[in-house]
C-alpha atoms as a PDB file:
ATOM      1  CA  MET A   1       0.000   0.000   0.000  1.00  0.00           C
ATOM      2  CA  ARG A   2       3.010   2.289   0.417  1.00  0.00           C
ATOM      3  CA  TYR A   3       3.134   2.563  -3.376  1.00  0.00           C
ATOM      4  CA  GLY A   4      -0.605   3.033  -3.738  1.00  0.00           C
ATOM      5  CA  CYS A   5      -1.255  -0.409  -5.159  1.00  0.00           C
ATOM      6  CA  GLY A   6      -1.770  -3.940  -3.994  1.00  0.00           C
ATOM      7  CA  LEU A   7      -2.348  -7.463  -5.212  1.00  0.00           C
ATOM      8  CA  THR A   8      -5.131  -9.841  -4.329  1.00  0.00           C
ATOM      9  CA  VAL A   9      -6.897 -12.891  -5.655  1.00  0.00           C
ATOM     10  CA  ALA A  10     -10.552 -13.424  -6.474  1.00  0.00           C
ATOM     11  CA  VAL A  11     -10.573 -17.103  -5.478  1.00  0.00           C
ATOM     12  CA  ALA A  12      -8.342 -18.112  -2.581  1.00  0.00           C
ATOM     13  CA  ARG A  13      -7.196 -21.533  -3.710  1.00  0.00           C
ATOM     14  CA  PRO A  14      -4.127 -22.539  -5.651  1.00  0.00           C
ATOM     15  CA  THR A  15      -4.508 -23.363  -9.336  1.00  0.00           C
ATOM     16  CA  ALA A  16      -2.094 -24.173 -12.110  1.00  0.00           C
ATOM     17  CA  GLY A  17      -3.797 -21.584 -14.293  1.00  0.00           C
ATOM     18  CA  ALA A  18      -6.834 -19.348 -14.671  1.00  0.00           C
ATOM     19  CA  ASN A  19      -8.571 -22.021 -16.741  1.00  0.00           C
ATOM     20  CA  ASP A  20      -8.862 -24.125 -13.573  1.00  0.00           C
ATOM     21  CA  LEU A  21     -11.500 -21.722 -12.220  1.00  0.00           C
ATOM     22  CA  SER A  22     -15.101 -22.130 -13.360  1.00  0.00           C
ATOM     23  CA  ARG A  23     -17.363 -19.193 -14.250  1.00  0.00           C
ATOM     24  CA  GLN A  24     -19.593 -20.220 -11.345  1.00  0.00           C
ATOM     25  CA  GLU A  25     -16.676 -20.175  -8.910  1.00  0.00           C
ATOM     26  CA  LEU A  26     -15.702 -16.699 -10.143  1.00  0.00           C
ATOM     27  CA  ARG A  27     -19.298 -15.430  -9.903  1.00  0.00           C
ATOM     28  CA  GLN A  28     -19.459 -16.706  -6.316  1.00  0.00           C
ATOM     29  CA  ALA A  29     -16.238 -14.814  -5.502  1.00  0.00           C
ATOM     30  CA  LYS A  30     -17.611 -11.489  -6.765  1.00  0.00           C
ATOM     31  CA  ALA A  31     -19.214 -10.278  -3.501  1.00  0.00           C
ATOM     32  CA  GLY A  32     -16.091 -10.947  -1.439  1.00  0.00           C
ATOM     33  CA  LEU A  33     -13.802  -9.265  -3.946  1.00  0.00           C
ATOM     34  CA  GLU A  34     -16.098  -6.244  -4.304  1.00  0.00           C
ATOM     35  CA  SER A  35     -16.181  -5.946  -0.509  1.00  0.00           C
ATOM     36  CA  LYS A  36     -12.375  -5.993  -0.357  1.00  0.00           C
ATOM     37  CA  ILE A  37     -12.119  -3.379  -3.116  1.00  0.00           C
ATOM     38  CA  THR A  38     -14.675  -1.181  -1.336  1.00  0.00           C
ATOM     39  CA  ARG A  39     -12.795  -1.529   1.960  1.00  0.00           C
ATOM     40  CA  TYR A  40      -9.349  -0.606   0.629  1.00  0.00           C
ATOM     41  CA  ALA A  41     -10.710   1.945  -1.873  1.00  0.00           C
ATOM     42  CA  PRO A  42      -8.164   1.799  -4.694  1.00  0.00           C
ATOM     43  CA  ARG A  43      -8.738   4.220  -7.540  1.00  0.00           C
ATOM     44  CA  ILE A  44      -8.329   1.456 -10.107  1.00  0.00           C
ATOM     45  CA  VAL A  45      -8.757  -2.305 -10.003  1.00  0.00           C
ATOM     46  CA  ALA A  46      -7.152  -4.290 -12.822  1.00  0.00           C
ATOM     47  CA  PHE A  47      -8.155  -7.808 -13.781  1.00  0.00           C
ATOM     48  CA  LEU A  48      -5.455  -9.844 -15.500  1.00  0.00           C
ATOM     49  CA  GLY A  49      -7.261 -11.554 -18.345  1.00  0.00           C
ATOM     50  CA  LYS A  50     -10.883 -11.383 -19.435  1.00  0.00           C
ATOM     51  CA  PRO A  51     -12.387 -14.549 -17.865  1.00  0.00           C
ATOM     52  CA  ALA A  52     -12.627 -13.401 -14.216  1.00  0.00           C
ATOM     53  CA  TYR A  53     -14.009  -9.950 -14.970  1.00  0.00           C
ATOM     54  CA  GLY A  54     -16.378 -11.367 -17.581  1.00  0.00           C
ATOM     55  CA  ALA A  55     -17.710 -13.999 -15.188  1.00  0.00           C
ATOM     56  CA  MET A  56     -18.144 -11.516 -12.346  1.00  0.00           C
ATOM     57  CA  THR A  57     -19.926  -8.914 -14.448  1.00  0.00           C
ATOM     58  CA  GLY A  58     -21.809 -11.292 -16.741  1.00  0.00           C
ATOM     59  CA  SER A  59     -20.204  -9.650 -19.750  1.00  0.00           C
ATOM     60  CA  ASN A  60     -19.005 -11.686 -22.714  1.00  0.00           C
ATOM     61  CA  GLU A  61     -18.024  -8.740 -24.922  1.00  0.00           C
ATOM     62  CA  LEU A  62     -14.959  -7.282 -23.247  1.00  0.00           C
ATOM     63  CA  VAL A  63     -12.255  -5.047 -24.637  1.00  0.00           C
ATOM     64  CA  TRP A  64      -8.756  -4.633 -23.244  1.00  0.00           C
ATOM     65  CA  GLY A  65      -8.198  -1.546 -21.122  1.00  0.00           C
ATOM     66  CA  PRO A  66     -10.630   0.567 -19.111  1.00  0.00           C
ATOM     67  CA  GLN A  67     -14.151  -0.795 -18.720  1.00  0.00           C
ATOM     68  CA  PRO A  68     -17.365   1.223 -18.894  1.00  0.00           C
ATOM     69  CA  GLY A  69     -18.467   0.281 -15.369  1.00  0.00           C
ATOM     70  CA  ARG A  70     -16.892   0.426 -11.934  1.00  0.00           C
ATOM     71  CA  PHE A  71     -16.103  -2.527  -9.671  1.00  0.00           C
ATOM     72  CA  GLY A  72     -16.375  -2.075  -5.921  1.00  0.00           C
ATOM     73  CA  GLY A  73     -16.339   1.683  -6.492  1.00  0.00           C
ATOM     74  CA  ALA A  74     -13.064   1.590  -8.423  1.00  0.00           C
ATOM     75  CA  GLU A  75     -12.382   2.224 -12.087  1.00  0.00           C
ATOM     76  CA  ALA A  76     -12.125  -1.225 -13.669  1.00  0.00           C
ATOM     77  CA  TRP A  77      -9.506  -2.307 -16.200  1.00  0.00           C
ATOM     78  CA  VAL A  78      -8.912  -5.587 -18.010  1.00  0.00           C
ATOM     79  CA  LEU A  79      -5.288  -6.237 -18.923  1.00  0.00           C
ATOM     80  CA  PRO A  80      -3.501  -9.119 -20.597  1.00  0.00           C
ATOM     81  CA  ASN A  81      -1.923 -11.473 -18.101  1.00  0.00           C
ATOM     82  CA  PRO A  82       1.863 -10.935 -18.089  1.00  0.00           C
ATOM     83  CA  SER A  83       2.500 -14.609 -17.362  1.00  0.00           C
ATOM     84  CA  GLY A  84       5.112 -16.251 -19.543  1.00  0.00           C
ATOM     85  CA  ARG A  85       2.405 -18.796 -20.402  1.00  0.00           C
ATOM     86  CA  ASN A  86       0.449 -16.059 -22.200  1.00  0.00           C
ATOM     87  CA  ARG A  87       1.888 -16.117 -25.703  1.00  0.00           C
ATOM     88  CA  SER A  88      -0.935 -14.045 -27.224  1.00  0.00           C
ATOM     89  CA  PHE A  89       0.797 -10.747 -26.460  1.00  0.00           C
ATOM     90  CA  SER A  90       4.254  -9.568 -27.363  1.00  0.00           C
ATOM     91  CA  PHE A  91       6.430  -7.911 -24.763  1.00  0.00           C
ATOM     92  CA  GLU A  92       5.817  -4.578 -26.512  1.00  0.00           C
ATOM     93  CA  ALA A  93       2.026  -5.072 -26.373  1.00  0.00           C
ATOM     94  CA  LEU A  94       2.215  -5.854 -22.646  1.00  0.00           C
ATOM     95  CA  VAL A  95       4.349  -2.765 -22.001  1.00  0.00           C
ATOM     96  CA  HIS A  96       1.852  -0.638 -23.943  1.00  0.00           C
ATOM     97  CA  ALA A  97      -1.161  -2.010 -22.018  1.00  0.00           C
ATOM     98  CA  TYR A  98       0.443  -1.528 -18.608  1.00  0.00           C
ATOM     99  CA  SER A  99       1.771   1.915 -19.587  1.00  0.00           C
ATOM    100  CA  GLU A 100      -1.795   3.001 -20.371  1.00  0.00           C
ATOM    101  CA  LEU A 101      -2.870   1.844 -16.915  1.00  0.00           C
ATOM    102  CA  LYS A 102      -0.002   3.743 -15.285  1.00  0.00           C
ATOM    103  CA  GLU A 103      -0.877   6.920 -17.199  1.00  0.00           C
ATOM    104  CA  SER A 104      -4.489   6.643 -16.046  1.00  0.00           C
ATOM    105  CA  LEU A 105      -3.384   6.108 -12.451  1.00  0.00           C
ATOM    106  CA  ASP A 106      -0.982   9.073 -12.682  1.00  0.00           C
ATOM    107  CA  ARG A 107      -3.841  11.298 -13.930  1.00  0.00           C
ATOM    108  CA  ALA A 108      -6.142  10.100 -11.139  1.00  0.00           C
ATOM    109  CA  THR A 109      -3.423  10.614  -8.530  1.00  0.00           C
ATOM    110  CA  ALA A 110      -2.765  14.157  -9.729  1.00  0.00           C
ATOM    111  CA  THR A 111      -6.421  15.146  -9.360  1.00  0.00           C
ATOM    112  CA  THR A 112      -7.546  13.132  -6.312  1.00  0.00           C
ATOM    113  CA  PRO A 113      -5.960  13.197  -2.866  1.00  0.00           C
ATOM    114  CA  ARG A 114      -4.885   9.790  -1.547  1.00  0.00           C
ATOM    115  CA  VAL A 115      -6.848   8.413   1.392  1.00  0.00           C
ATOM    116  CA  ALA A 116      -5.002   6.021   3.672  1.00  0.00           C
ATOM    117  CA  VAL A 117      -6.964   2.992   4.886  1.00  0.00           C
ATOM    118  CA  ARG A 118      -5.751   1.175   7.955  1.00  0.00           C
END
């Protein structure tokens, strides 16, 4: 939190990959994740890959980048997973996607005072 960001999981069980989680399991995790996002109040929440966000929002037509709705009060983004197992995106494409997120966060930080949650 010192850097204004954090990491969490939607489903708290180990998996070899995102494909090991069912849409139902992700839908069931939505309330808990939204509660956590509401509690810690980040400006932006980023989902790595489309399946989790799609399952939680019921949306099948997702685009990469910022989403039209909010999640737990935060601006929602969907980004490509940077895992080495994800061969659909080049290194340059990953850098571009994450740079866009950073620029959005920088703009939000410049216009909104940070609130510390303890």
